């Protein structure tokens, strides 16, 4: 992305790109209880979103005691 917006068409395109990126980030966060979301940016643009989810289970010794 450029640092400046020269005309309304470029501004509208930039707005759509930012909205798309935000929607993708929201989707990655949706329902995440434990974990992380990593956003990779190159040259001012989002190029990758990684979601790592951790799932925690009770150990079998704890389950048999309860």
Protein backbone atom coordinates (compact mmCIF):
# COMPACT_ATOMS: atom_id res chain seq x y z
CA UNK A 1 0.00 0.00 0.00
CA UNK A 2 1.21 3.49 -0.73
CA UNK A 3 1.54 6.12 1.98
CA UNK A 4 -0.67 8.53 0.06
CA UNK A 5 -4.03 8.30 -1.64
CA UNK A 6 -4.21 10.43 -4.78
CA UNK A 7 -7.79 10.04 -5.96
CA UNK A 8 -11.19 8.89 -4.69
CA UNK A 9 -10.94 5.56 -6.56
CA UNK A 10 -7.70 4.69 -4.77
CA UNK A 11 -9.20 5.75 -1.46
CA UNK A 12 -12.27 3.55 -1.98
CA UNK A 13 -10.09 0.58 -2.97
CA UNK A 14 -7.92 1.06 0.11
CA UNK A 15 -11.01 1.22 2.32
CA UNK A 16 -12.29 -2.09 0.85
CA UNK A 17 -8.90 -3.75 1.38
CA UNK A 18 -8.72 -2.60 4.99
CA UNK A 19 -12.29 -3.78 5.64
CA UNK A 20 -11.49 -7.19 4.10
CA UNK A 21 -8.37 -7.51 6.26
CA UNK A 22 -10.32 -6.62 9.40
CA UNK A 23 -13.04 -9.13 8.53
CA UNK A 24 -10.41 -11.86 8.12
CA UNK A 25 -8.84 -10.98 11.48
CA UNK A 26 -12.25 -11.04 13.17
CA UNK A 27 -12.93 -14.45 11.64
CA UNK A 28 -9.60 -15.77 12.96
CA UNK A 29 -10.48 -14.50 16.45
CA UNK A 30 -14.05 -15.83 16.40
CA UNK A 31 -14.48 -18.61 18.95
CA UNK A 32 -10.83 -18.63 19.99
CA UNK A 33 -10.59 -19.30 23.74
CA UNK A 34 -6.89 -20.17 24.16
CA UNK A 35 -4.26 -19.52 21.54
CA UNK A 36 -2.93 -16.78 19.35
CA UNK A 37 -3.53 -15.00 16.07
CA UNK A 38 -0.45 -13.79 14.20
CA UNK A 39 -0.78 -11.21 11.44
CA UNK A 40 2.06 -10.97 8.91
CA UNK A 41 2.43 -7.66 7.10
CA UNK A 42 4.72 -6.96 4.14
CA UNK A 43 5.06 -3.55 2.54
CA UNK A 44 2.11 -2.23 4.54
CA UNK A 45 -0.30 -4.98 3.50
CA UNK A 46 -1.61 -8.02 5.38
CA UNK A 47 -0.26 -11.07 3.58
CA UNK A 48 -0.90 -13.85 6.09
CA UNK A 49 -2.99 -14.61 9.17
CA UNK A 50 -2.07 -17.62 11.33
CA UNK A 51 -4.37 -18.98 14.03
CA UNK A 52 -2.98 -21.33 16.64
CA UNK A 53 -5.56 -22.81 18.96
CA UNK A 54 -4.77 -24.60 22.18
CA UNK A 55 -7.17 -27.16 23.56
CA UNK A 56 -6.85 -28.15 27.17
CA UNK A 57 -8.14 -31.43 28.58
CA UNK A 58 -8.29 -32.77 32.07
CA UNK A 59 -5.69 -35.42 32.70
CA UNK A 60 -6.98 -38.99 33.10
CA UNK A 61 -5.89 -39.08 36.78
CA UNK A 62 -7.95 -35.95 37.54
CA UNK A 63 -10.98 -37.31 35.69
CA UNK A 64 -10.96 -40.59 37.63
CA UNK A 65 -10.79 -38.75 40.96
CA UNK A 66 -13.74 -36.45 40.22
